[in-house]
Amino acid sequence: MSAPAHKADALDARILLALEEDPGASVLALAHRVGASRNTVHARLQRMNREDLLLGFTQRVSPAALGYGLVAFVSLAISQAESVDAILGVQEIAQVVEVHKTTGDADFLVKLVARDTADLNSVMDALVAVPGVVRSSTAVSLQETMPYRTRALLERLAQQGERS
C-alpha cells in the first residue's frame, strides 16, 4: 500500500476516533460528535476511502478467530534475479498476512499465521519452495504484548488541531 495523497489532519483524526468508538455511526452522528457539518464529514470519509487512508474491513478480522492462533515472523533472503516472482509466490500463500521489504540481512519480513506447529511446518515448506527464496529464518510469536495500533497517533493529531 502506498502513502495516501492527502495527509490526515486534526479533523480527519477526530472523525476516525469517533468511527473507532462507534463503527456503525451514521455520517450525521459522526458530524455531531466531531462538531462539523454532515457534508464535510461525508466528503472527508469519501476522500479517505478514495485515497486508501482507511484500511480494508478484513484487516479488522482476527486470524485467531478463524482458527489461526499461531503467529510467526519469517525473514526471507531472495534471489535478486527472481525477486518479482518470489514476492508474487509468497503472496499466493493464504497464511501470509503481511510482507515488508527490509534492509539488513533479509530482503523481506513476512508475518504469517498457522493453526498449530504442524500447519506452520507446512506453510514453511510452501514458503521455502517459492522460486527465488534463498534462505529463511523463523521466529514464533509467544504472545502479542501490544497489537497493531494507530489510536495514539490519531489522538496526538487530533490534539494538535485543538491547540492550533
Protein backbone atom coordinates (compact mmCIF):
# COMPACT_ATOMS: atom_id res chain seq x y z
CA MET A 1 0.00 0.00 0.00
CA SER A 2 1.38 3.39 -0.93
CA ALA A 3 1.10 6.54 1.13
CA PRO A 4 -2.15 8.49 0.69
CA ALA A 5 -2.02 11.58 -1.50
CA HIS A 6 -3.50 13.72 1.27
CA LYS A 7 -2.08 13.71 4.78
CA ALA A 8 -4.66 13.39 7.55
CA ASP A 9 -5.33 16.48 9.64
CA ALA A 10 -6.87 17.03 13.08
CA LEU A 11 -10.46 16.85 11.79
CA ASP A 12 -9.71 13.59 9.96
CA ALA A 13 -8.24 12.24 13.21
CA ARG A 14 -11.34 13.23 15.21
CA ILE A 15 -13.60 11.58 12.60
CA LEU A 16 -11.54 8.39 12.70
CA LEU A 17 -11.52 8.30 16.50
CA ALA A 18 -15.31 8.73 16.53
CA LEU A 19 -15.63 5.99 13.93
CA GLU A 20 -13.45 3.68 16.02
CA GLU A 21 -15.66 4.26 19.05
CA ASP A 22 -18.84 3.61 17.01
CA PRO A 23 -18.06 1.81 13.72
CA GLY A 24 -21.74 1.79 12.72
CA ALA A 25 -22.29 5.51 13.28
CA SER A 26 -24.05 7.42 10.54
CA VAL A 27 -22.37 10.35 8.86
CA LEU A 28 -24.79 12.64 10.69
CA ALA A 29 -23.91 11.11 14.07
CA LEU A 30 -20.19 11.45 13.30
CA ALA A 31 -20.73 15.08 12.28
CA HIS A 32 -22.45 15.87 15.59
CA ARG A 33 -19.72 14.10 17.53
CA VAL A 34 -16.83 15.99 15.88
CA GLY A 35 -18.59 19.34 15.52
CA ALA A 36 -18.53 19.54 11.73
CA SER A 37 -21.21 19.62 9.07
CA ARG A 38 -22.62 16.41 7.64
CA ASN A 39 -21.37 17.36 4.17
CA THR A 40 -17.87 17.98 5.47
CA VAL A 41 -17.70 14.63 7.25
CA HIS A 42 -19.17 12.83 4.23
CA ALA A 43 -16.63 14.45 1.89
CA ARG A 44 -13.78 13.63 4.28
CA LEU A 45 -14.81 9.97 4.53
CA GLN A 46 -15.13 9.70 0.75
CA ARG A 47 -11.65 11.19 0.30
CA MET A 48 -10.18 8.88 2.94
CA ASN A 49 -11.68 5.86 1.15
CA ARG A 50 -10.60 7.09 -2.28
CA GLU A 51 -7.03 7.77 -1.15
CA ASP A 52 -6.66 4.49 0.81
CA LEU A 53 -6.25 6.28 4.11
CA LEU A 54 -8.63 3.72 5.66
CA LEU A 55 -7.57 0.10 5.85
CA GLY A 56 -9.88 -2.57 4.46
CA PHE A 57 -12.53 -4.20 6.61
CA THR A 58 -10.79 -7.59 6.52
CA GLN A 59 -7.83 -6.08 8.34
CA ARG A 60 -10.07 -5.91 11.40
CA VAL A 61 -10.68 -9.68 11.39
CA SER A 62 -8.56 -11.61 13.88
CA PRO A 63 -6.79 -14.62 12.32
CA ALA A 64 -7.11 -16.35 15.72
CA ALA A 65 -10.90 -16.11 15.44
CA LEU A 66 -10.57 -18.01 12.15
CA GLY A 67 -8.53 -20.76 13.80
CA TYR A 68 -5.07 -19.37 13.04
CA GLY A 69 -3.77 -18.65 16.53
CA LEU A 70 -0.07 -19.19 15.89
CA VAL A 71 1.86 -16.17 14.58
CA ALA A 72 5.35 -16.33 13.11
CA PHE A 73 7.73 -13.81 11.59
CA VAL A 74 9.95 -15.05 8.79
CA SER A 75 12.99 -13.23 7.42
CA LEU A 76 13.48 -14.16 3.77
CA ALA A 77 16.56 -13.77 1.61
CA ILE A 78 15.54 -13.56 -2.05
CA SER A 79 17.48 -14.07 -5.25
CA GLN A 80 17.63 -10.58 -6.75
CA ALA A 81 17.16 -12.02 -10.25
CA GLU A 82 13.89 -13.65 -9.16
CA SER A 83 12.60 -11.08 -6.68
CA VAL A 84 9.38 -10.24 -8.54
CA ASP A 85 8.42 -13.91 -8.94
CA ALA A 86 9.41 -14.61 -5.35
CA ILE A 87 7.20 -11.92 -3.86
CA LEU A 88 4.29 -12.98 -6.08
CA GLY A 89 4.77 -16.58 -4.94
CA VAL A 90 4.90 -15.55 -1.29
CA GLN A 91 1.67 -13.56 -1.69
CA GLU A 92 -0.11 -16.66 -3.03
CA ILE A 93 0.21 -18.40 0.36
CA ALA A 94 -3.04 -17.70 2.21
CA GLN A 95 -1.45 -17.80 5.66
CA VAL A 96 0.89 -14.92 4.75
CA VAL A 97 -0.84 -11.88 6.21
CA GLU A 98 1.82 -9.17 5.83
CA VAL A 99 5.09 -8.64 3.95
CA HIS A 100 7.64 -5.83 4.33
CA LYS A 101 10.70 -5.19 2.19
CA THR A 102 13.57 -4.59 4.61
CA THR A 103 17.18 -3.59 4.90
CA GLY A 104 19.80 -5.76 6.55
CA ASP A 105 20.45 -9.48 6.20
CA ALA A 106 16.97 -10.31 4.91
CA ASP A 107 15.13 -8.88 1.93
CA PHE A 108 11.62 -9.38 3.28
CA LEU A 109 9.98 -9.76 6.66
CA VAL A 110 6.89 -11.95 6.39
CA LYS A 111 4.20 -12.21 9.05
CA LEU A 112 2.24 -15.41 8.76
CA VAL A 113 -0.36 -17.29 10.74
CA ALA A 114 -0.92 -21.01 11.24
CA ARG A 115 -3.31 -23.29 13.07
CA ASP A 116 -0.55 -25.07 15.02
CA THR A 117 3.09 -26.11 14.66
CA ALA A 118 2.28 -28.84 12.13
CA ASP A 119 0.47 -26.26 10.00
CA LEU A 120 3.41 -23.86 10.45
CA ASN A 121 5.73 -26.58 9.16
CA SER A 122 3.54 -26.98 6.05
CA VAL A 123 3.42 -23.23 5.48
CA MET A 124 7.20 -23.02 5.84
CA ASP A 125 7.63 -25.85 3.32
CA ALA A 126 5.46 -23.90 0.86
CA LEU A 127 7.33 -20.68 1.58
CA VAL A 128 10.82 -22.06 1.00
CA ALA A 129 9.59 -23.84 -2.15
CA VAL A 130 8.74 -20.48 -3.76
CA PRO A 131 11.14 -19.89 -6.66
CA GLY A 132 13.66 -17.21 -5.70
CA VAL A 133 13.55 -17.82 -1.94
CA VAL A 134 17.16 -18.49 -0.98
CA ARG A 135 17.06 -18.61 2.83
CA SER A 136 14.61 -18.18 5.68
CA SER A 137 14.75 -17.63 9.42
CA THR A 138 11.62 -18.06 11.52
CA ALA A 139 10.65 -16.63 14.90
CA VAL A 140 7.41 -17.81 16.51
CA SER A 141 5.45 -15.24 18.50
CA LEU A 142 4.81 -16.47 22.03
CA GLN A 143 2.44 -13.63 22.91
CA GLU A 144 1.25 -10.42 21.33
CA THR A 145 2.12 -7.87 24.00
CA MET A 146 0.81 -4.90 22.02
CA PRO A 147 -1.42 -5.21 18.97
CA TYR A 148 -1.12 -3.03 15.90
CA ARG A 149 -2.44 0.37 16.80
CA THR A 150 -2.88 3.85 15.42
CA ARG A 151 -5.23 5.29 18.05
CA ALA A 152 -2.39 7.02 19.94
CA LEU A 153 -1.27 8.66 16.69
CA LEU A 154 -4.84 9.81 15.91
CA GLU A 155 -5.24 11.23 19.43
CA ARG A 156 -1.96 13.10 19.06
CA LEU A 157 -3.01 14.54 15.70
CA ALA A 158 -6.47 15.48 16.99
CA GLN A 159 -4.93 17.27 19.98
CA GLN A 160 -2.55 19.22 17.72
CA GLY A 161 -5.58 20.60 15.91
CA GLU A 162 -7.20 21.65 19.18
CA ARG A 163 -4.09 23.68 20.11
CA SER A 164 -3.99 25.49 16.76
